[in-house]
Amino acid sequence: MGELVHLEGPPDPKEAYARYNEWLPFAHRNRAFFEASAKDLGYELDELFDEPGQRLF
């Protein structure tokens, strides 16, 4: 990601950890949503990753 925004040098560890802490709850909710959606629709979670864009909900 740093290359995409042309950052020079390594990120500040404290800042990177703070961003990680903000991102982590979202990642958990995102995973929970996909798990619940797959279960409700009769898919295995791994099936959703096999062919992204090929599944119709």
PDB file of N, CA and C in Angstrom:
ATOM      1  N   MET A   1       0.825  -1.178   0.000  1.00  0.00           N
ATOM      2  CA  MET A   1       0.000   0.000   0.000  1.00  0.00           C
ATOM      3  C   MET A   1       0.876   1.252   0.000  1.00  0.00           C
ATOM      4  N   GLY A   2       1.977   1.175   0.723  1.00  0.00           N
ATOM      5  CA  GLY A   2       2.868   2.324   0.762  1.00  0.00           C
ATOM      6  C   GLY A   2       3.392   2.704  -0.602  1.00  0.00           C
ATOM      7  N   GLU A   3       3.634   1.704  -1.432  1.00  0.00           N
ATOM      8  CA  GLU A   3       4.109   1.977  -2.792  1.00  0.00           C
ATOM      9  C   GLU A   3       3.037   2.681  -3.621  1.00  0.00           C
ATOM     10  N   LEU A   4       1.779   2.324  -3.391  1.00  0.00           N
ATOM     11  CA  LEU A   4       0.695   2.948  -4.153  1.00  0.00           C
ATOM     12  C   LEU A   4       0.585   4.448  -3.885  1.00  0.00           C
ATOM     13  N   VAL A   5       0.868   4.849  -2.655  1.00  0.00           N
ATOM     14  CA  VAL A   5       0.761   6.273  -2.316  1.00  0.00           C
ATOM     15  C   VAL A   5       2.131   6.947  -2.295  1.00  0.00           C
ATOM     16  N   HIS A   6       3.149   6.205  -2.733  1.00  0.00           N
ATOM     17  CA  HIS A   6       4.512   6.735  -2.866  1.00  0.00           C
ATOM     18  C   HIS A   6       5.068   7.256  -1.539  1.00  0.00           C
ATOM     19  N   LEU A   7       4.915   6.447  -0.491  1.00  0.00           N
ATOM     20  CA  LEU A   7       5.507   6.805   0.796  1.00  0.00           C
ATOM     21  C   LEU A   7       6.995   6.490   0.753  1.00  0.00           C
ATOM     22  N   GLU A   8       7.740   7.327   1.406  1.00  0.00           N
ATOM     23  CA  GLU A   8       9.175   7.093   1.492  1.00  0.00           C
ATOM     24  C   GLU A   8       9.496   6.632   2.903  1.00  0.00           C
ATOM     25  N   GLY A   9      10.214   5.551   3.009  1.00  0.00           N
ATOM     26  CA  GLY A   9      10.610   5.041   4.305  1.00  0.00           C
ATOM     27  C   GLY A   9       9.521   4.183   4.931  1.00  0.00           C
ATOM     28  N   PRO A  10       9.900   3.471   5.984  1.00  0.00           N
ATOM     29  CA  PRO A  10       8.928   2.596   6.642  1.00  0.00           C
ATOM     30  C   PRO A  10       7.901   3.416   7.437  1.00  0.00           C
ATOM     31  N   PRO A  11       6.714   2.851   7.648  1.00  0.00           N
ATOM     32  CA  PRO A  11       5.701   3.569   8.426  1.00  0.00           C
ATOM     33  C   PRO A  11       6.091   3.638   9.898  1.00  0.00           C
ATOM     34  N   ASP A  12       5.573   4.619  10.573  1.00  0.00           N
ATOM     35  CA  ASP A  12       5.783   4.740  12.007  1.00  0.00           C
ATOM     36  C   ASP A  12       5.054   3.585  12.693  1.00  0.00           C
ATOM     37  N   PRO A  13       5.745   2.783  13.503  1.00  0.00           N
ATOM     38  CA  PRO A  13       5.101   1.612  14.113  1.00  0.00           C
ATOM     39  C   PRO A  13       3.871   1.964  14.969  1.00  0.00           C
ATOM     40  N   LYS A  14       3.933   3.053  15.715  1.00  0.00           N
ATOM     41  CA  LYS A  14       2.786   3.427  16.555  1.00  0.00           C
ATOM     42  C   LYS A  14       1.585   3.826  15.695  1.00  0.00           C
ATOM     43  N   GLU A  15       1.835   4.551  14.629  1.00  0.00           N
ATOM     44  CA  GLU A  15       0.752   4.953  13.734  1.00  0.00           C
ATOM     45  C   GLU A  15       0.166   3.734  13.018  1.00  0.00           C
ATOM     46  N   ALA A  16       1.040   2.833  12.568  1.00  0.00           N
ATOM     47  CA  ALA A  16       0.579   1.628  11.886  1.00  0.00           C
ATOM     48  C   ALA A  16      -0.257   0.763  12.824  1.00  0.00           C
ATOM     49  N   TYR A  17       0.154   0.646  14.074  1.00  0.00           N
ATOM     50  CA  TYR A  17      -0.600  -0.150  15.044  1.00  0.00           C
ATOM     51  C   TYR A  17      -1.950   0.503  15.343  1.00  0.00           C
ATOM     52  N   ALA A  18      -1.985   1.814  15.412  1.00  0.00           N
ATOM     53  CA  ALA A  18      -3.248   2.523  15.650  1.00  0.00           C
ATOM     54  C   ALA A  18      -4.207   2.287  14.480  1.00  0.00           C
ATOM     55  N   ARG A  19      -3.706   2.337  13.259  1.00  0.00           N
ATOM     56  CA  ARG A  19      -4.558   2.067  12.085  1.00  0.00           C
ATOM     57  C   ARG A  19      -5.051   0.628  12.097  1.00  0.00           C
ATOM     58  N   TYR A  20      -4.184  -0.294  12.487  1.00  0.00           N
ATOM     59  CA  TYR A  20      -4.566  -1.706  12.579  1.00  0.00           C
ATOM     60  C   TYR A  20      -5.687  -1.883  13.599  1.00  0.00           C
ATOM     61  N   ASN A  21      -5.573  -1.224  14.737  1.00  0.00           N
ATOM     62  CA  ASN A  21      -6.612  -1.324  15.764  1.00  0.00           C
ATOM     63  C   ASN A  21      -7.942  -0.783  15.273  1.00  0.00           C
ATOM     64  N   GLU A  22      -7.933   0.228  14.430  1.00  0.00           N
ATOM     65  CA  GLU A  22      -9.175   0.770  13.871  1.00  0.00           C
ATOM     66  C   GLU A  22      -9.751  -0.178  12.817  1.00  0.00           C
ATOM     67  N   TRP A  23      -8.903  -0.857  12.087  1.00  0.00           N
ATOM     68  CA  TRP A  23      -9.332  -1.727  11.000  1.00  0.00           C
ATOM     69  C   TRP A  23      -9.855  -3.065  11.515  1.00  0.00           C
ATOM     70  N   LEU A  24      -9.303  -3.561  12.606  1.00  0.00           N
ATOM     71  CA  LEU A  24      -9.616  -4.903  13.079  1.00  0.00           C
ATOM     72  C   LEU A  24     -11.100  -5.136  13.352  1.00  0.00           C
ATOM     73  N   PRO A  25     -11.827  -4.248  14.040  1.00  0.00           N
ATOM     74  CA  PRO A  25     -13.261  -4.501  14.244  1.00  0.00           C
ATOM     75  C   PRO A  25     -14.042  -4.601  12.931  1.00  0.00           C
ATOM     76  N   PHE A  26     -13.681  -3.795  11.947  1.00  0.00           N
ATOM     77  CA  PHE A  26     -14.340  -3.868  10.648  1.00  0.00           C
ATOM     78  C   PHE A  26     -14.095  -5.231  10.005  1.00  0.00           C
ATOM     79  N   ALA A  27     -12.869  -5.708  10.065  1.00  0.00           N
ATOM     80  CA  ALA A  27     -12.539  -6.994   9.453  1.00  0.00           C
ATOM     81  C   ALA A  27     -13.350  -8.108  10.101  1.00  0.00           C
ATOM     82  N   HIS A  28     -13.532  -8.041  11.408  1.00  0.00           N
ATOM     83  CA  HIS A  28     -14.321  -9.058  12.101  1.00  0.00           C
ATOM     84  C   HIS A  28     -15.785  -9.002  11.669  1.00  0.00           C
ATOM     85  N   ARG A  29     -16.358  -7.811  11.602  1.00  0.00           N
ATOM     86  CA  ARG A  29     -17.764  -7.677  11.173  1.00  0.00           C
ATOM     87  C   ARG A  29     -17.932  -8.129   9.725  1.00  0.00           C
ATOM     88  N   ASN A  30     -16.962  -7.818   8.880  1.00  0.00           N
ATOM     89  CA  ASN A  30     -17.009  -8.233   7.482  1.00  0.00           C
ATOM     90  C   ASN A  30     -17.007  -9.760   7.379  1.00  0.00           C
ATOM     91  N   ARG A  31     -16.135 -10.395   8.118  1.00  0.00           N
ATOM     92  CA  ARG A  31     -16.063 -11.867   8.110  1.00  0.00           C
ATOM     93  C   ARG A  31     -17.367 -12.465   8.629  1.00  0.00           C
ATOM     94  N   ALA A  32     -17.897 -11.911   9.722  1.00  0.00           N
ATOM     95  CA  ALA A  32     -19.150 -12.417  10.287  1.00  0.00           C
ATOM     96  C   ALA A  32     -20.291 -12.285   9.283  1.00  0.00           C
ATOM     97  N   PHE A  33     -20.334 -11.175   8.547  1.00  0.00           N
ATOM     98  CA  PHE A  33     -21.365 -10.979   7.532  1.00  0.00           C
ATOM     99  C   PHE A  33     -21.271 -12.042   6.444  1.00  0.00           C
ATOM    100  N   PHE A  34     -20.069 -12.299   5.941  1.00  0.00           N
ATOM    101  CA  PHE A  34     -19.899 -13.295   4.889  1.00  0.00           C
ATOM    102  C   PHE A  34     -20.224 -14.697   5.389  1.00  0.00           C
ATOM    103  N   GLU A  35     -19.850 -15.013   6.628  1.00  0.00           N
ATOM    104  CA  GLU A  35     -20.175 -16.319   7.182  1.00  0.00           C
ATOM    105  C   GLU A  35     -21.688 -16.495   7.292  1.00  0.00           C
ATOM    106  N   ALA A  36     -22.382 -15.484   7.810  1.00  0.00           N
ATOM    107  CA  ALA A  36     -23.836 -15.565   7.955  1.00  0.00           C
ATOM    108  C   ALA A  36     -24.525 -15.626   6.594  1.00  0.00           C
ATOM    109  N   SER A  37     -24.057 -14.834   5.646  1.00  0.00           N
ATOM    110  CA  SER A  37     -24.649 -14.843   4.305  1.00  0.00           C
ATOM    111  C   SER A  37     -24.477 -16.197   3.641  1.00  0.00           C
ATOM    112  N   ALA A  38     -23.290 -16.757   3.727  1.00  0.00           N
ATOM    113  CA  ALA A  38     -23.027 -18.062   3.118  1.00  0.00           C
ATOM    114  C   ALA A  38     -23.923 -19.124   3.749  1.00  0.00           C
ATOM    115  N   LYS A  39     -24.033 -19.103   5.068  1.00  0.00           N
ATOM    116  CA  LYS A  39     -24.868 -20.088   5.752  1.00  0.00           C
ATOM    117  C   LYS A  39     -26.329 -19.944   5.334  1.00  0.00           C
ATOM    118  N   ASP A  40     -26.834 -18.720   5.312  1.00  0.00           N
ATOM    119  CA  ASP A  40     -28.235 -18.485   4.949  1.00  0.00           C
ATOM    120  C   ASP A  40     -28.538 -18.893   3.517  1.00  0.00           C
ATOM    121  N   LEU A  41     -27.561 -18.775   2.644  1.00  0.00           N
ATOM    122  CA  LEU A  41     -27.769 -19.077   1.226  1.00  0.00           C
ATOM    123  C   LEU A  41     -27.371 -20.498   0.849  1.00  0.00           C
ATOM    124  N   GLY A  42     -26.907 -21.266   1.835  1.00  0.00           N
ATOM    125  CA  GLY A  42     -26.560 -22.659   1.576  1.00  0.00           C
ATOM    126  C   GLY A  42     -25.199 -22.879   0.963  1.00  0.00           C
ATOM    127  N   TYR A  43     -24.324 -21.905   1.056  1.00  0.00           N
ATOM    128  CA  TYR A  43     -22.954 -22.046   0.545  1.00  0.00           C
ATOM    129  C   TYR A  43     -22.005 -22.337   1.695  1.00  0.00           C
ATOM    130  N   GLU A  44     -20.913 -22.980   1.354  1.00  0.00           N
ATOM    131  CA  GLU A  44     -19.788 -23.056   2.278  1.00  0.00           C
ATOM    132  C   GLU A  44     -18.984 -21.784   2.079  1.00  0.00           C
ATOM    133  N   LEU A  45     -18.419 -21.259   3.132  1.00  0.00           N
ATOM    134  CA  LEU A  45     -17.677 -20.006   3.040  1.00  0.00           C
ATOM    135  C   LEU A  45     -16.544 -20.099   2.027  1.00  0.00           C
ATOM    136  N   ASP A  46     -15.873 -21.235   1.972  1.00  0.00           N
ATOM    137  CA  ASP A  46     -14.759 -21.400   1.032  1.00  0.00           C
ATOM    138  C   ASP A  46     -15.217 -21.307  -0.424  1.00  0.00           C
ATOM    139  N   GLU A  47     -16.461 -21.675  -0.697  1.00  0.00           N
ATOM    140  CA  GLU A  47     -16.968 -21.595  -2.060  1.00  0.00           C
ATOM    141  C   GLU A  47     -17.022 -20.160  -2.566  1.00  0.00           C
ATOM    142  N   LEU A  48     -17.231 -19.221  -1.680  1.00  0.00           N
ATOM    143  CA  LEU A  48     -17.318 -17.821  -2.079  1.00  0.00           C
ATOM    144  C   LEU A  48     -15.968 -17.268  -2.508  1.00  0.00           C
ATOM    145  N   PHE A  49     -14.887 -17.881  -2.054  1.00  0.00           N
ATOM    146  CA  PHE A  49     -13.555 -17.405  -2.393  1.00  0.00           C
ATOM    147  C   PHE A  49     -12.998 -18.064  -3.648  1.00  0.00           C
ATOM    148  N   ASP A  50     -13.574 -19.193  -4.045  1.00  0.00           N
ATOM    149  CA  ASP A  50     -13.041 -19.930  -5.185  1.00  0.00           C
ATOM    150  C   ASP A  50     -13.145 -19.150  -6.485  1.00  0.00           C
ATOM    151  N   GLU A  51     -14.296 -18.583  -6.741  1.00  0.00           N
ATOM    152  CA  GLU A  51     -14.530 -17.887  -8.002  1.00  0.00           C
ATOM    153  C   GLU A  51     -15.210 -16.555  -7.736  1.00  0.00           C
ATOM    154  N   PRO A  52     -14.457 -15.557  -7.274  1.00  0.00           N
ATOM    155  CA  PRO A  52     -15.096 -14.276  -6.998  1.00  0.00           C
ATOM    156  C   PRO A  52     -15.804 -13.709  -8.220  1.00  0.00           C
ATOM    157  N   GLY A  53     -16.981 -13.220  -8.012  1.00  0.00           N
ATOM    158  CA  GLY A  53     -17.749 -12.637  -9.108  1.00  0.00           C
ATOM    159  C   GLY A  53     -18.543 -13.659  -9.895  1.00  0.00           C
ATOM    160  N   GLN A  54     -18.366 -14.929  -9.628  1.00  0.00           N
ATOM    161  CA  GLN A  54     -19.078 -15.964 -10.353  1.00  0.00           C
ATOM    162  C   GLN A  54     -20.337 -16.427  -9.634  1.00  0.00           C
ATOM    163  N   ARG A  55     -20.469 -16.099  -8.363  1.00  0.00           N
ATOM    164  CA  ARG A  55     -21.625 -16.516  -7.589  1.00  0.00           C
ATOM    165  C   ARG A  55     -22.677 -15.432  -7.616  1.00  0.00           C
ATOM    166  N   LEU A  56     -23.905 -15.832  -7.792  1.00  0.00           N
ATOM    167  CA  LEU A  56     -25.024 -14.903  -7.721  1.00  0.00           C
ATOM    168  C   LEU A  56     -25.773 -15.168  -6.430  1.00  0.00           C
ATOM    169  N   PHE A  57     -25.981 -14.131  -5.658  1.00  0.00           N
ATOM    170  CA  PHE A  57     -26.698 -14.308  -4.394  1.00  0.00           C
ATOM    171  C   PHE A  57     -28.150 -14.205  -4.644  1.00  0.00           C
TER     172      PHE A  57
END
